[in-house]
Amino acid sequence: MPTSAPPKSGSEQKFQENVVRLILIDKQPEKALDLLSEHYRVERPILRIGLPRGEKKALGCYVHREKTIYISNSKYLYDPYVLIHEFYHHLRNVGGKHRGTERHAKEFALAFLNVV
């Protein structure tokens, strides 16, 4: 039987709503990264359009040695799922923990989208 996630605090829910709004509505992904980085107390990743050499099909990817989130094209720059998913990989990397799985990155991103 699946367990349900604990209820979010009002401030956490507001934070997540603000991040999604900045990306999706305000079209300010850089400000969303600022907010995420400040909230999680990590260095802000670089954001670039286009994929690094060798990547062809991904919507986005994170390159840990560059501390850079790459977004395949401007269409996905304003997709909160893609940006938040890749931020999770950054968060896991700079936090000194293992890189984190795709499943965890998916759950992290969906937690933000479930508040909207």
C-alpha atoms as a PDB file:
ATOM      1  CA  MET A   1       0.000   0.000   0.000  1.00  0.00           C
ATOM      2  CA  PRO A   2       1.563   3.340  -1.019  1.00  0.00           C
ATOM      3  CA  THR A   3       2.306   5.856   1.680  1.00  0.00           C
ATOM      4  CA  SER A   4       1.192   9.413   1.232  1.00  0.00           C
ATOM      5  CA  ALA A   5       3.617  12.293   1.597  1.00  0.00           C
ATOM      6  CA  PRO A   6       3.324  14.372   4.749  1.00  0.00           C
ATOM      7  CA  PRO A   7       1.420  17.626   4.293  1.00  0.00           C
ATOM      8  CA  LYS A   8       3.547  20.591   3.283  1.00  0.00           C
ATOM      9  CA  SER A   9       3.881  23.594   5.510  1.00  0.00           C
ATOM     10  CA  GLY A  10       2.260  26.759   4.227  1.00  0.00           C
ATOM     11  CA  SER A  11       5.639  28.414   3.697  1.00  0.00           C
ATOM     12  CA  GLU A  12       7.006  25.414   1.758  1.00  0.00           C
ATOM     13  CA  GLN A  13       3.918  25.339  -0.435  1.00  0.00           C
ATOM     14  CA  LYS A  14       4.214  29.089  -1.090  1.00  0.00           C
ATOM     15  CA  PHE A  15       7.902  28.682  -1.953  1.00  0.00           C
ATOM     16  CA  GLN A  16       7.121  25.912  -4.453  1.00  0.00           C
ATOM     17  CA  GLU A  17       4.288  27.928  -5.990  1.00  0.00           C
ATOM     18  CA  ASN A  18       6.629  30.904  -6.413  1.00  0.00           C
ATOM     19  CA  VAL A  19       9.271  28.787  -8.147  1.00  0.00           C
ATOM     20  CA  VAL A  20       6.730  27.339 -10.590  1.00  0.00           C
ATOM     21  CA  ARG A  21       5.217  30.780 -11.244  1.00  0.00           C
ATOM     22  CA  LEU A  22       8.626  32.308 -11.956  1.00  0.00           C
ATOM     23  CA  ILE A  23       9.340  29.640 -14.566  1.00  0.00           C
ATOM     24  CA  LEU A  24       5.954  29.061 -16.160  1.00  0.00           C
ATOM     25  CA  ILE A  25       4.094  32.377 -15.896  1.00  0.00           C
ATOM     26  CA  ASP A  26       6.746  35.075 -15.412  1.00  0.00           C
ATOM     27  CA  LYS A  27       9.219  33.391 -17.810  1.00  0.00           C
ATOM     28  CA  GLN A  28      12.099  34.055 -15.408  1.00  0.00           C
ATOM     29  CA  PRO A  29      13.938  30.743 -14.977  1.00  0.00           C
ATOM     30  CA  GLU A  30      17.103  32.525 -13.778  1.00  0.00           C
ATOM     31  CA  LYS A  31      15.176  34.068 -10.863  1.00  0.00           C
ATOM     32  CA  ALA A  32      13.673  30.661 -10.089  1.00  0.00           C
ATOM     33  CA  LEU A  33      17.198  29.216  -9.877  1.00  0.00           C
ATOM     34  CA  ASP A  34      18.186  32.082  -7.578  1.00  0.00           C
ATOM     35  CA  LEU A  35      15.241  31.285  -5.311  1.00  0.00           C
ATOM     36  CA  LEU A  36      15.927  27.534  -5.332  1.00  0.00           C
ATOM     37  CA  SER A  37      19.625  28.035  -4.619  1.00  0.00           C
ATOM     38  CA  GLU A  38      18.941  30.422  -1.766  1.00  0.00           C
ATOM     39  CA  HIS A  39      16.290  28.141  -0.266  1.00  0.00           C
ATOM     40  CA  TYR A  40      18.522  25.051  -0.362  1.00  0.00           C
ATOM     41  CA  ARG A  41      21.670  27.050   0.481  1.00  0.00           C
ATOM     42  CA  VAL A  42      23.703  25.922  -2.495  1.00  0.00           C
ATOM     43  CA  GLU A  43      25.711  27.667  -5.161  1.00  0.00           C
ATOM     44  CA  ARG A  44      23.523  28.682  -8.092  1.00  0.00           C
ATOM     45  CA  PRO A  45      24.045  26.558 -11.207  1.00  0.00           C
ATOM     46  CA  ILE A  46      24.776  28.109 -14.581  1.00  0.00           C
ATOM     47  CA  LEU A  47      21.881  27.881 -17.049  1.00  0.00           C
ATOM     48  CA  ARG A  48      22.541  27.335 -20.760  1.00  0.00           C
ATOM     49  CA  ILE A  49      20.398  26.719 -23.821  1.00  0.00           C
ATOM     50  CA  GLY A  50      21.512  23.822 -25.996  1.00  0.00           C
ATOM     51  CA  LEU A  51      22.823  20.427 -25.000  1.00  0.00           C
ATOM     52  CA  PRO A  52      26.456  19.547 -24.363  1.00  0.00           C
ATOM     53  CA  ARG A  53      28.382  17.448 -26.849  1.00  0.00           C
ATOM     54  CA  GLY A  54      27.171  13.853 -26.903  1.00  0.00           C
ATOM     55  CA  GLU A  55      23.636  14.611 -25.709  1.00  0.00           C
ATOM     56  CA  LYS A  56      21.003  14.555 -28.404  1.00  0.00           C
ATOM     57  CA  LYS A  57      17.622  13.485 -27.086  1.00  0.00           C
ATOM     58  CA  ALA A  58      17.390  14.894 -23.567  1.00  0.00           C
ATOM     59  CA  LEU A  59      15.113  17.838 -22.807  1.00  0.00           C
ATOM     60  CA  GLY A  60      17.662  18.954 -20.253  1.00  0.00           C
ATOM     61  CA  CYS A  61      20.738  17.671 -18.476  1.00  0.00           C
ATOM     62  CA  TYR A  62      23.064  18.617 -15.660  1.00  0.00           C
ATOM     63  CA  VAL A  63      26.849  18.520 -16.051  1.00  0.00           C
ATOM     64  CA  HIS A  64      28.300  18.326 -12.551  1.00  0.00           C
ATOM     65  CA  ARG A  65      31.902  19.243 -13.396  1.00  0.00           C
ATOM     66  CA  GLU A  66      30.636  22.510 -14.936  1.00  0.00           C
ATOM     67  CA  LYS A  67      27.825  23.029 -12.391  1.00  0.00           C
ATOM     68  CA  THR A  68      25.633  23.777 -15.386  1.00  0.00           C
ATOM     69  CA  ILE A  69      22.049  22.978 -16.284  1.00  0.00           C
ATOM     70  CA  TYR A  70      21.607  22.617 -20.031  1.00  0.00           C
ATOM     71  CA  ILE A  71      18.139  22.971 -21.531  1.00  0.00           C
ATOM     72  CA  SER A  72      17.730  21.592 -25.053  1.00  0.00           C
ATOM     73  CA  ASN A  73      15.909  24.630 -26.464  1.00  0.00           C
ATOM     74  CA  SER A  74      13.974  27.691 -25.376  1.00  0.00           C
ATOM     75  CA  LYS A  75      10.685  25.757 -25.505  1.00  0.00           C
ATOM     76  CA  TYR A  76      11.768  23.772 -22.437  1.00  0.00           C
ATOM     77  CA  LEU A  77      13.402  26.715 -20.675  1.00  0.00           C
ATOM     78  CA  TYR A  78       9.953  27.618 -19.316  1.00  0.00           C
ATOM     79  CA  ASP A  79       8.941  24.070 -18.403  1.00  0.00           C
ATOM     80  CA  PRO A  80       9.064  23.892 -14.598  1.00  0.00           C
ATOM     81  CA  TYR A  81       9.370  20.108 -14.588  1.00  0.00           C
ATOM     82  CA  VAL A  82      12.538  20.120 -16.706  1.00  0.00           C
ATOM     83  CA  LEU A  83      14.278  22.942 -14.834  1.00  0.00           C
ATOM     84  CA  ILE A  84      13.389  21.695 -11.339  1.00  0.00           C
ATOM     85  CA  HIS A  85      14.318  18.116 -12.274  1.00  0.00           C
ATOM     86  CA  GLU A  86      17.772  19.242 -13.403  1.00  0.00           C
ATOM     87  CA  PHE A  87      18.151  21.465 -10.337  1.00  0.00           C
ATOM     88  CA  TYR A  88      17.673  18.337  -8.210  1.00  0.00           C
ATOM     89  CA  HIS A  89      20.748  16.799  -9.850  1.00  0.00           C
ATOM     90  CA  HIS A  90      22.689  19.983  -9.045  1.00  0.00           C
ATOM     91  CA  LEU A  91      21.435  19.926  -5.462  1.00  0.00           C
ATOM     92  CA  ARG A  92      22.555  16.331  -4.970  1.00  0.00           C
ATOM     93  CA  ASN A  93      25.937  16.997  -6.545  1.00  0.00           C
ATOM     94  CA  VAL A  94      26.908  20.158  -4.633  1.00  0.00           C
ATOM     95  CA  GLY A  95      25.498  18.720  -1.423  1.00  0.00           C
ATOM     96  CA  GLY A  96      28.268  16.115  -1.486  1.00  0.00           C
ATOM     97  CA  LYS A  97      25.829  13.238  -1.860  1.00  0.00           C
ATOM     98  CA  HIS A  98      25.684  10.764  -4.687  1.00  0.00           C
ATOM     99  CA  ARG A  99      24.243  12.040  -7.898  1.00  0.00           C
ATOM    100  CA  GLY A 100      20.689  10.986  -7.120  1.00  0.00           C
ATOM    101  CA  THR A 101      18.505   8.826  -9.250  1.00  0.00           C
ATOM    102  CA  GLU A 102      16.176   9.835 -12.026  1.00  0.00           C
ATOM    103  CA  ARG A 103      13.293   8.596  -9.897  1.00  0.00           C
ATOM    104  CA  HIS A 104      14.218  10.951  -7.070  1.00  0.00           C
ATOM    105  CA  ALA A 105      14.660  13.867  -9.490  1.00  0.00           C
ATOM    106  CA  LYS A 106      11.231  13.107 -10.942  1.00  0.00           C
ATOM    107  CA  GLU A 107       9.611  12.999  -7.492  1.00  0.00           C
ATOM    108  CA  PHE A 108      11.335  16.253  -6.482  1.00  0.00           C
ATOM    109  CA  ALA A 109      10.040  18.063  -9.582  1.00  0.00           C
ATOM    110  CA  LEU A 110       6.539  16.613  -9.279  1.00  0.00           C
ATOM    111  CA  ALA A 111       6.323  17.767  -5.652  1.00  0.00           C
ATOM    112  CA  PHE A 112       6.590  21.341  -6.930  1.00  0.00           C
ATOM    113  CA  LEU A 113       4.023  20.790  -9.641  1.00  0.00           C
ATOM    114  CA  ASN A 114       1.507  19.168  -7.323  1.00  0.00           C
ATOM    115  CA  VAL A 115       1.043  22.444  -5.425  1.00  0.00           C
ATOM    116  CA  VAL A 116      -0.275  24.281  -8.477  1.00  0.00           C
END
